[in-house]
Amino acid sequence: MHEAVRLVDARTILRGIAVATATVAATAVGGPVAGAEVAAFMASPPGRKLTEAVIDQTAKERGVVLEDLATGGFVTQPTLGLTGEAGPELVLPLVSMPKPKPKRSKSARAADKKLSAAFKEANRRYRKKDGSLRAGRTQSDIARLAHKLRKKNGTKKGQVRKTARRAFEK
């Protein structure tokens, strides 16, 4: 014996939310009698027609497409749909989303800053005021000098780092 599978689409869910909201609001304002009257109206053909019109108008105003995707479909814009209502479904993006770049560590950012400053200094030394390279110099000369300057601007000979000094003092 197979149980009947009832397909539920986005409209059915929105209709249920609208009916429940209207019934609760009417009950809160006018009491149980008003709530029962609103529920009866919403279940009638004119009430259903009105609810469908409101759902369609609201979706249109907000640029939302309501689709039943149980039989498949091709989605090219934001769509409010229900997946898995007719059994297992597969949803795959056709274009992969870019992965966020991992945040660089504080020391890596500091090293980048030092290298950037070193490149500025190397360019200042090996370029003329008009921006062209000095005679006999190349881009690789600039890169070599920048890396040399970056290393040179690190811990100076005889300098003790604060952390080492603190450890020694303890």
N, C-alpha and C. Protein backbone atom coordinates (compact mmCIF):
# COMPACT_ATOMS: atom_id res chain seq x y z
N MET A 1 0.83 -1.17 0.00
CA MET A 1 0.00 0.00 0.00
C MET A 1 0.88 1.24 0.00
N HIS A 2 0.64 2.05 -0.98
CA HIS A 2 1.41 3.29 -1.08
C HIS A 2 0.58 4.44 -0.54
N GLU A 3 1.25 5.28 0.22
CA GLU A 3 0.57 6.48 0.69
C GLU A 3 0.58 7.51 -0.43
N ALA A 4 -0.50 8.26 -0.54
CA ALA A 4 -0.57 9.29 -1.56
C ALA A 4 0.39 10.42 -1.18
N VAL A 5 1.21 10.82 -2.13
CA VAL A 5 2.15 11.90 -1.89
C VAL A 5 1.50 13.19 -2.37
N ARG A 6 1.36 14.14 -1.47
CA ARG A 6 0.75 15.42 -1.82
C ARG A 6 1.86 16.40 -2.12
N LEU A 7 1.84 16.93 -3.32
CA LEU A 7 2.84 17.91 -3.69
C LEU A 7 2.49 19.25 -3.07
N VAL A 8 3.45 19.83 -2.44
CA VAL A 8 3.26 21.14 -1.82
C VAL A 8 4.20 22.10 -2.52
N ASP A 9 3.64 23.15 -3.09
CA ASP A 9 4.50 24.12 -3.76
C ASP A 9 4.58 25.39 -2.92
N ALA A 10 5.33 26.34 -3.40
CA ALA A 10 5.54 27.59 -2.66
C ALA A 10 4.22 28.33 -2.45
N ARG A 11 3.34 28.29 -3.45
CA ARG A 11 2.04 28.97 -3.32
C ARG A 11 1.22 28.39 -2.18
N THR A 12 1.21 27.08 -2.04
CA THR A 12 0.44 26.43 -0.97
C THR A 12 0.96 26.89 0.39
N ILE A 13 2.27 26.96 0.51
CA ILE A 13 2.86 27.40 1.78
C ILE A 13 2.50 28.86 2.05
N LEU A 14 2.64 29.72 1.05
CA LEU A 14 2.31 31.14 1.22
C LEU A 14 0.83 31.32 1.53
N ARG A 15 -0.02 30.53 0.87
CA ARG A 15 -1.46 30.61 1.13
C ARG A 15 -1.74 30.24 2.58
N GLY A 16 -1.09 29.17 3.08
CA GLY A 16 -1.28 28.76 4.47
C GLY A 16 -0.83 29.83 5.45
N ILE A 17 0.29 30.46 5.15
CA ILE A 17 0.78 31.53 6.02
C ILE A 17 -0.19 32.70 6.02
N ALA A 18 -0.70 33.06 4.83
CA ALA A 18 -1.63 34.19 4.73
C ALA A 18 -2.92 33.91 5.50
N VAL A 19 -3.47 32.70 5.35
CA VAL A 19 -4.71 32.34 6.05
C VAL A 19 -4.49 32.35 7.56
N ALA A 20 -3.39 31.75 8.01
CA ALA A 20 -3.11 31.69 9.45
C ALA A 20 -2.91 33.10 10.01
N THR A 21 -2.19 33.93 9.29
CA THR A 21 -1.94 35.30 9.76
C THR A 21 -3.24 36.09 9.85
N ALA A 22 -4.08 36.00 8.80
CA ALA A 22 -5.34 36.74 8.81
C ALA A 22 -6.26 36.25 9.92
N THR A 23 -6.30 34.93 10.13
CA THR A 23 -7.16 34.37 11.17
C THR A 23 -6.70 34.80 12.56
N VAL A 24 -5.41 34.74 12.80
CA VAL A 24 -4.88 35.13 14.11
C VAL A 24 -5.12 36.62 14.35
N ALA A 25 -4.89 37.44 13.33
CA ALA A 25 -5.10 38.88 13.48
C ALA A 25 -6.57 39.19 13.76
N ALA A 26 -7.48 38.53 13.03
CA ALA A 26 -8.91 38.78 13.25
C ALA A 26 -9.34 38.32 14.64
N THR A 27 -8.78 37.19 15.10
CA THR A 27 -9.11 36.69 16.43
C THR A 27 -8.61 37.65 17.50
N ALA A 28 -7.40 38.18 17.29
CA ALA A 28 -6.82 39.10 18.28
C ALA A 28 -7.62 40.40 18.37
N VAL A 29 -8.11 40.88 17.22
CA VAL A 29 -8.83 42.15 17.20
C VAL A 29 -10.31 41.97 17.54
N GLY A 30 -10.96 40.97 16.92
CA GLY A 30 -12.41 40.84 17.07
C GLY A 30 -12.89 39.65 17.86
N GLY A 31 -11.96 38.85 18.38
CA GLY A 31 -12.35 37.69 19.17
C GLY A 31 -12.51 36.45 18.31
N PRO A 32 -12.90 35.33 18.93
CA PRO A 32 -13.02 34.04 18.24
C PRO A 32 -14.04 34.05 17.10
N VAL A 33 -15.10 34.79 17.25
CA VAL A 33 -16.13 34.83 16.20
C VAL A 33 -15.56 35.46 14.93
N ALA A 34 -14.85 36.59 15.08
CA ALA A 34 -14.25 37.26 13.93
C ALA A 34 -13.20 36.36 13.28
N GLY A 35 -12.42 35.65 14.10
CA GLY A 35 -11.41 34.73 13.57
C GLY A 35 -12.05 33.63 12.75
N ALA A 36 -13.16 33.09 13.23
CA ALA A 36 -13.87 32.01 12.51
C ALA A 36 -14.46 32.53 11.21
N GLU A 37 -14.97 33.77 11.21
CA GLU A 37 -15.53 34.34 9.98
C GLU A 37 -14.44 34.56 8.93
N VAL A 38 -13.29 35.06 9.35
CA VAL A 38 -12.19 35.28 8.40
C VAL A 38 -11.69 33.95 7.86
N ALA A 39 -11.57 32.94 8.71
CA ALA A 39 -11.12 31.62 8.26
C ALA A 39 -12.10 31.05 7.25
N ALA A 40 -13.41 31.21 7.49
CA ALA A 40 -14.42 30.71 6.55
C ALA A 40 -14.33 31.45 5.23
N PHE A 41 -14.14 32.79 5.28
CA PHE A 41 -14.02 33.56 4.04
C PHE A 41 -12.78 33.13 3.26
N MET A 42 -11.66 32.95 3.95
CA MET A 42 -10.41 32.59 3.26
C MET A 42 -10.53 31.21 2.60
N ALA A 43 -11.38 30.32 3.15
CA ALA A 43 -11.55 28.99 2.57
C ALA A 43 -12.53 28.99 1.41
N SER A 44 -13.31 30.05 1.27
CA SER A 44 -14.30 30.12 0.19
C SER A 44 -13.61 30.47 -1.13
N PRO A 45 -14.27 30.21 -2.29
CA PRO A 45 -13.67 30.55 -3.59
C PRO A 45 -13.27 32.02 -3.72
N PRO A 46 -14.10 32.99 -3.28
CA PRO A 46 -13.64 34.39 -3.38
C PRO A 46 -12.41 34.67 -2.49
N GLY A 47 -12.37 34.05 -1.32
CA GLY A 47 -11.23 34.23 -0.42
C GLY A 47 -9.96 33.66 -1.01
N ARG A 48 -10.08 32.47 -1.64
CA ARG A 48 -8.91 31.86 -2.29
C ARG A 48 -8.43 32.73 -3.44
N LYS A 49 -9.37 33.24 -4.22
CA LYS A 49 -9.01 34.08 -5.37
C LYS A 49 -8.29 35.35 -4.89
N LEU A 50 -8.81 35.95 -3.82
CA LEU A 50 -8.19 37.15 -3.27
C LEU A 50 -6.78 36.84 -2.75
N THR A 51 -6.64 35.71 -2.04
CA THR A 51 -5.33 35.33 -1.50
C THR A 51 -4.33 35.12 -2.64
N GLU A 52 -4.74 34.42 -3.70
CA GLU A 52 -3.86 34.18 -4.86
C GLU A 52 -3.44 35.51 -5.49
N ALA A 53 -4.41 36.44 -5.62
CA ALA A 53 -4.10 37.74 -6.22
C ALA A 53 -3.10 38.51 -5.37
N VAL A 54 -3.27 38.45 -4.06
CA VAL A 54 -2.35 39.16 -3.16
C VAL A 54 -0.95 38.54 -3.24
N ILE A 55 -0.89 37.21 -3.27
CA ILE A 55 0.41 36.52 -3.37
C ILE A 55 1.09 36.90 -4.68
N ASP A 56 0.35 36.86 -5.79
CA ASP A 56 0.92 37.21 -7.10
C ASP A 56 1.40 38.66 -7.13
N GLN A 57 0.58 39.57 -6.62
CA GLN A 57 0.93 40.99 -6.64
C GLN A 57 2.17 41.28 -5.78
N THR A 58 2.20 40.69 -4.59
CA THR A 58 3.34 40.89 -3.69
C THR A 58 4.62 40.34 -4.30
N ALA A 59 4.54 39.15 -4.89
CA ALA A 59 5.72 38.55 -5.53
C ALA A 59 6.19 39.40 -6.70
N LYS A 60 5.23 39.91 -7.49
CA LYS A 60 5.58 40.75 -8.64
C LYS A 60 6.26 42.05 -8.20
N GLU A 61 5.72 42.69 -7.16
CA GLU A 61 6.30 43.93 -6.65
C GLU A 61 7.71 43.73 -6.14
N ARG A 62 7.98 42.56 -5.58
CA ARG A 62 9.30 42.30 -5.01
C ARG A 62 10.23 41.59 -5.98
N GLY A 63 9.77 41.33 -7.20
CA GLY A 63 10.61 40.69 -8.21
C GLY A 63 10.90 39.23 -7.93
N VAL A 64 9.97 38.55 -7.26
CA VAL A 64 10.14 37.14 -6.92
C VAL A 64 9.30 36.30 -7.86
N VAL A 65 9.89 35.22 -8.38
CA VAL A 65 9.16 34.29 -9.24
C VAL A 65 8.78 33.08 -8.38
N LEU A 66 7.50 32.70 -8.43
CA LEU A 66 7.03 31.53 -7.70
C LEU A 66 6.91 30.37 -8.68
N GLU A 67 7.67 29.30 -8.44
CA GLU A 67 7.65 28.17 -9.36
C GLU A 67 7.54 26.86 -8.60
N ASP A 68 6.87 25.92 -9.24
CA ASP A 68 6.84 24.55 -8.75
C ASP A 68 7.95 23.83 -9.51
N LEU A 69 8.98 23.40 -8.81
CA LEU A 69 10.14 22.80 -9.46
C LEU A 69 10.13 21.28 -9.37
N ALA A 70 8.98 20.67 -9.04
CA ALA A 70 8.91 19.22 -8.88
C ALA A 70 9.25 18.49 -10.17
N THR A 71 8.92 19.08 -11.31
CA THR A 71 9.20 18.43 -12.59
C THR A 71 10.48 18.97 -13.22
N GLY A 72 11.24 19.75 -12.46
CA GLY A 72 12.48 20.32 -12.98
C GLY A 72 12.25 21.73 -13.46
N GLY A 73 13.27 22.33 -13.95
CA GLY A 73 13.16 23.68 -14.46
C GLY A 73 14.53 24.33 -14.54
N PHE A 74 14.58 25.46 -15.18
CA PHE A 74 15.82 26.21 -15.34
C PHE A 74 15.61 27.56 -14.70
N VAL A 75 16.36 27.88 -13.66
CA VAL A 75 16.17 29.10 -12.90
C VAL A 75 17.29 30.07 -13.26
N THR A 76 16.92 31.27 -13.70
CA THR A 76 17.92 32.26 -14.11
C THR A 76 17.85 33.53 -13.27
N GLN A 77 16.96 33.58 -12.30
CA GLN A 77 16.83 34.74 -11.44
C GLN A 77 16.39 34.26 -10.07
N PRO A 78 16.46 35.11 -9.06
CA PRO A 78 16.01 34.67 -7.73
C PRO A 78 14.58 34.14 -7.79
N THR A 79 14.39 32.93 -7.29
CA THR A 79 13.11 32.25 -7.40
C THR A 79 12.75 31.64 -6.06
N LEU A 80 11.52 31.85 -5.63
CA LEU A 80 11.04 31.21 -4.42
C LEU A 80 10.41 29.90 -4.85
N GLY A 81 11.06 28.82 -4.53
CA GLY A 81 10.56 27.50 -4.92
C GLY A 81 10.77 26.52 -3.79
N LEU A 82 10.13 25.39 -3.90
CA LEU A 82 10.24 24.35 -2.89
C LEU A 82 10.94 23.17 -3.53
N THR A 83 11.99 22.67 -2.92
CA THR A 83 12.70 21.52 -3.48
C THR A 83 12.47 20.31 -2.59
N GLY A 84 12.50 19.16 -3.20
CA GLY A 84 12.32 17.92 -2.47
C GLY A 84 10.88 17.55 -2.23
N GLU A 85 9.92 18.28 -2.81
CA GLU A 85 8.52 18.01 -2.55
C GLU A 85 8.02 16.74 -3.25
N ALA A 86 8.69 16.31 -4.32
CA ALA A 86 8.27 15.10 -5.03
C ALA A 86 9.31 14.00 -4.86
N GLY A 87 10.16 14.13 -3.87
CA GLY A 87 11.23 13.15 -3.65
C GLY A 87 12.57 13.83 -3.77
N PRO A 88 13.64 13.05 -3.80
CA PRO A 88 14.98 13.63 -3.85
C PRO A 88 15.19 14.47 -5.11
N GLU A 89 15.82 15.61 -4.94
CA GLU A 89 16.12 16.50 -6.07
C GLU A 89 17.56 16.95 -5.98
N LEU A 90 18.10 17.37 -7.09
CA LEU A 90 19.47 17.85 -7.15
C LEU A 90 19.45 19.30 -7.60
N VAL A 91 20.08 20.18 -6.82
CA VAL A 91 20.16 21.60 -7.17
C VAL A 91 21.63 21.96 -7.28
N LEU A 92 22.07 22.36 -8.48
CA LEU A 92 23.47 22.69 -8.72
C LEU A 92 23.58 24.06 -9.37
N PRO A 93 24.46 24.91 -8.89
CA PRO A 93 24.68 26.19 -9.59
C PRO A 93 25.47 25.93 -10.87
N LEU A 94 25.15 26.64 -11.94
CA LEU A 94 25.88 26.47 -13.19
C LEU A 94 27.19 27.25 -13.18
N VAL A 95 27.26 28.28 -12.36
CA VAL A 95 28.48 29.06 -12.21
C VAL A 95 28.85 29.00 -10.74
N SER A 96 30.07 28.58 -10.45
CA SER A 96 30.45 28.48 -9.04
C SER A 96 30.69 29.86 -8.45
N MET A 97 30.34 29.99 -7.21
CA MET A 97 30.53 31.24 -6.50
C MET A 97 32.00 31.38 -6.15
N PRO A 98 32.53 32.60 -6.21
CA PRO A 98 33.94 32.77 -5.84
C PRO A 98 34.13 32.50 -4.35
N LYS A 99 35.22 31.81 -4.03
CA LYS A 99 35.51 31.52 -2.64
C LYS A 99 36.16 32.74 -2.01
N PRO A 100 35.76 33.07 -0.78
CA PRO A 100 36.39 34.23 -0.14
C PRO A 100 37.87 33.94 0.13
N LYS A 101 38.69 34.95 -0.05
CA LYS A 101 40.12 34.77 0.20
C LYS A 101 40.34 34.65 1.70
N PRO A 102 41.20 33.72 2.10
CA PRO A 102 41.46 33.61 3.53
C PRO A 102 42.18 34.86 4.03
N LYS A 103 41.87 35.25 5.24
CA LYS A 103 42.47 36.45 5.82
C LYS A 103 43.94 36.16 6.12
N ARG A 104 44.79 37.09 5.73
CA ARG A 104 46.22 36.92 5.97
C ARG A 104 46.54 37.24 7.42
N SER A 105 47.55 36.54 7.94
CA SER A 105 47.93 36.74 9.34
C SER A 105 48.53 38.13 9.53
N LYS A 106 48.61 38.54 10.77
CA LYS A 106 49.15 39.86 11.10
C LYS A 106 50.61 39.97 10.65
N SER A 107 51.38 38.90 10.87
CA SER A 107 52.80 38.95 10.49
C SER A 107 52.95 38.98 8.97
N ALA A 108 52.06 38.27 8.24
CA ALA A 108 52.12 38.29 6.78
C ALA A 108 51.78 39.68 6.24
N ARG A 109 50.78 40.32 6.86
CA ARG A 109 50.42 41.67 6.43
C ARG A 109 51.55 42.65 6.72
N ALA A 110 52.23 42.47 7.86
CA ALA A 110 53.37 43.33 8.21
C ALA A 110 54.51 43.12 7.21
N ALA A 111 54.75 41.86 6.81
CA ALA A 111 55.79 41.57 5.83
C ALA A 111 55.45 42.20 4.48
N ASP A 112 54.16 42.15 4.11
CA ASP A 112 53.73 42.79 2.86
C ASP A 112 54.00 44.29 2.89
N LYS A 113 53.72 44.90 4.03
CA LYS A 113 53.92 46.33 4.18
C LYS A 113 55.41 46.69 4.04
N LYS A 114 56.27 45.88 4.68
CA LYS A 114 57.72 46.13 4.59
C LYS A 114 58.21 45.97 3.15
N LEU A 115 57.72 44.93 2.47
CA LEU A 115 58.15 44.69 1.09
C LEU A 115 57.68 45.82 0.18
N SER A 116 56.47 46.31 0.42
CA SER A 116 55.94 47.42 -0.37
C SER A 116 56.82 48.66 -0.20
N ALA A 117 57.19 48.95 1.04
CA ALA A 117 58.06 50.10 1.31
C ALA A 117 59.43 49.91 0.66
N ALA A 118 59.93 48.67 0.68
CA ALA A 118 61.23 48.38 0.07
C ALA A 118 61.16 48.58 -1.44
N PHE A 119 60.06 48.17 -2.07
CA PHE A 119 59.91 48.36 -3.52
C PHE A 119 59.85 49.85 -3.86
N LYS A 120 59.17 50.63 -3.03
CA LYS A 120 59.12 52.08 -3.26
C LYS A 120 60.52 52.68 -3.22
N GLU A 121 61.32 52.27 -2.23
CA GLU A 121 62.69 52.77 -2.10
C GLU A 121 63.55 52.32 -3.28
N ALA A 122 63.42 51.04 -3.68
CA ALA A 122 64.21 50.53 -4.80
C ALA A 122 63.85 51.26 -6.09
N ASN A 123 62.57 51.52 -6.29
CA ASN A 123 62.15 52.26 -7.49
C ASN A 123 62.69 53.69 -7.45
N ARG A 124 62.69 54.29 -6.26
CA ARG A 124 63.22 55.65 -6.13
C ARG A 124 64.70 55.69 -6.50
N ARG A 125 65.45 54.65 -6.09
CA ARG A 125 66.89 54.63 -6.36
C ARG A 125 67.22 54.33 -7.84
N TYR A 126 66.45 53.43 -8.47
CA TYR A 126 66.81 52.95 -9.80
C TYR A 126 66.02 53.60 -10.93
N ARG A 127 65.16 54.55 -10.64
CA ARG A 127 64.40 55.22 -11.70
C ARG A 127 64.72 56.71 -11.72
N LYS A 128 64.54 57.29 -12.90
CA LYS A 128 64.72 58.74 -13.05
C LYS A 128 63.43 59.42 -12.57
N LYS A 129 63.47 60.74 -12.51
CA LYS A 129 62.29 61.48 -12.07
C LYS A 129 61.11 61.30 -13.01
N ASP A 130 61.37 61.05 -14.31
CA ASP A 130 60.27 60.85 -15.27
C ASP A 130 59.70 59.44 -15.22
N GLY A 131 60.26 58.57 -14.37
CA GLY A 131 59.73 57.22 -14.20
C GLY A 131 60.46 56.14 -14.99
N SER A 132 61.31 56.52 -15.92
CA SER A 132 62.04 55.51 -16.71
C SER A 132 63.21 54.96 -15.89
N LEU A 133 63.63 53.74 -16.25
CA LEU A 133 64.74 53.11 -15.54
C LEU A 133 66.06 53.80 -15.86
N ARG A 134 66.95 53.85 -14.89
CA ARG A 134 68.28 54.41 -15.12
C ARG A 134 69.03 53.48 -16.07
N ALA A 135 70.04 53.98 -16.71
CA ALA A 135 70.82 53.22 -17.68
C ALA A 135 71.40 51.97 -17.02
N GLY A 136 71.23 50.84 -17.70
CA GLY A 136 71.79 49.58 -17.21
C GLY A 136 70.97 48.90 -16.13
N ARG A 137 69.83 49.43 -15.76
CA ARG A 137 68.99 48.84 -14.71
C ARG A 137 67.76 48.18 -15.34
N THR A 138 67.29 47.10 -14.68
CA THR A 138 66.10 46.39 -15.15
C THR A 138 65.14 46.21 -13.98
N GLN A 139 63.96 45.68 -14.30
CA GLN A 139 62.96 45.40 -13.26
C GLN A 139 63.51 44.39 -12.27
N SER A 140 64.27 43.41 -12.75
CA SER A 140 64.82 42.40 -11.84
C SER A 140 65.81 43.04 -10.86
N ASP A 141 66.54 44.08 -11.30
CA ASP A 141 67.43 44.80 -10.38
C ASP A 141 66.61 45.45 -9.26
N ILE A 142 65.48 46.02 -9.62
CA ILE A 142 64.60 46.65 -8.63
C ILE A 142 64.10 45.62 -7.63
N ALA A 143 63.66 44.46 -8.13
CA ALA A 143 63.14 43.40 -7.25
C ALA A 143 64.25 42.90 -6.33
N ARG A 144 65.44 42.68 -6.87
CA ARG A 144 66.57 42.20 -6.07
C ARG A 144 66.89 43.20 -4.95
N LEU A 145 66.96 44.48 -5.30
CA LEU A 145 67.26 45.50 -4.30
C LEU A 145 66.15 45.58 -3.24
N ALA A 146 64.89 45.48 -3.68
CA ALA A 146 63.77 45.54 -2.74
C ALA A 146 63.85 44.42 -1.71
N HIS A 147 64.14 43.21 -2.16
CA HIS A 147 64.24 42.09 -1.23
C HIS A 147 65.44 42.26 -0.30
N LYS A 148 66.54 42.81 -0.82
CA LYS A 148 67.71 43.08 0.00
C LYS A 148 67.38 44.14 1.07
N LEU A 149 66.66 45.20 0.65
CA LEU A 149 66.27 46.25 1.60
C LEU A 149 65.31 45.72 2.66
N ARG A 150 64.41 44.85 2.25
CA ARG A 150 63.45 44.29 3.21
C ARG A 150 64.16 43.50 4.29
N LYS A 151 65.14 42.70 3.88
CA LYS A 151 65.90 41.92 4.86
C LYS A 151 66.73 42.84 5.75
N LYS A 152 67.30 43.86 5.14
CA LYS A 152 68.17 44.78 5.87
C LYS A 152 67.39 45.55 6.93
N ASN A 153 66.13 45.85 6.67
CA ASN A 153 65.32 46.64 7.60
C ASN A 153 64.69 45.80 8.71
N GLY A 154 65.08 44.54 8.81
CA GLY A 154 64.54 43.68 9.86
C GLY A 154 65.23 43.97 11.18
N THR A 155 65.49 42.95 11.97
CA THR A 155 66.18 43.13 13.24
C THR A 155 67.62 43.51 12.96
N LYS A 156 68.08 44.57 13.55
CA LYS A 156 69.45 45.04 13.33
C LYS A 156 70.43 44.24 14.17
N LYS A 157 71.68 44.20 13.72
CA LYS A 157 72.71 43.46 14.42
C LYS A 157 72.86 44.02 15.84
N GLY A 158 72.82 43.14 16.83
CA GLY A 158 72.96 43.57 18.21
C GLY A 158 71.65 43.99 18.86
N GLN A 159 70.58 44.11 18.07
CA GLN A 159 69.29 44.53 18.62
C GLN A 159 68.62 43.32 19.26
N VAL A 160 68.06 43.52 20.43
CA VAL A 160 67.38 42.43 21.11
C VAL A 160 65.89 42.69 21.01
N ARG A 161 65.14 41.69 20.59
CA ARG A 161 63.70 41.85 20.49
C ARG A 161 63.08 41.96 21.87
N LYS A 162 61.96 42.68 21.95
CA LYS A 162 61.30 42.88 23.23
C LYS A 162 60.92 41.56 23.89
N THR A 163 60.42 40.63 23.10
CA THR A 163 59.97 39.35 23.68
C THR A 163 61.15 38.58 24.26
N ALA A 164 62.29 38.60 23.57
CA ALA A 164 63.47 37.90 24.08
C ALA A 164 63.97 38.57 25.35
N ARG A 165 63.95 39.89 25.38
CA ARG A 165 64.40 40.63 26.55
C ARG A 165 63.48 40.33 27.74
N ARG A 166 62.18 40.32 27.50
CA ARG A 166 61.23 40.04 28.58
C ARG A 166 61.44 38.63 29.11
N ALA A 167 61.66 37.68 28.22
CA ALA A 167 61.87 36.29 28.65
C ALA A 167 63.14 36.19 29.48
N PHE A 168 64.17 36.93 29.08
CA PHE A 168 65.43 36.90 29.80
C PHE A 168 65.29 37.50 31.20
N GLU A 169 64.47 38.59 31.28
CA GLU A 169 64.31 39.27 32.56
C GLU A 169 63.53 38.46 33.58
N LYS A 170 62.69 37.52 33.13
CA LYS A 170 61.88 36.73 34.07
C LYS A 170 62.66 35.70 34.79
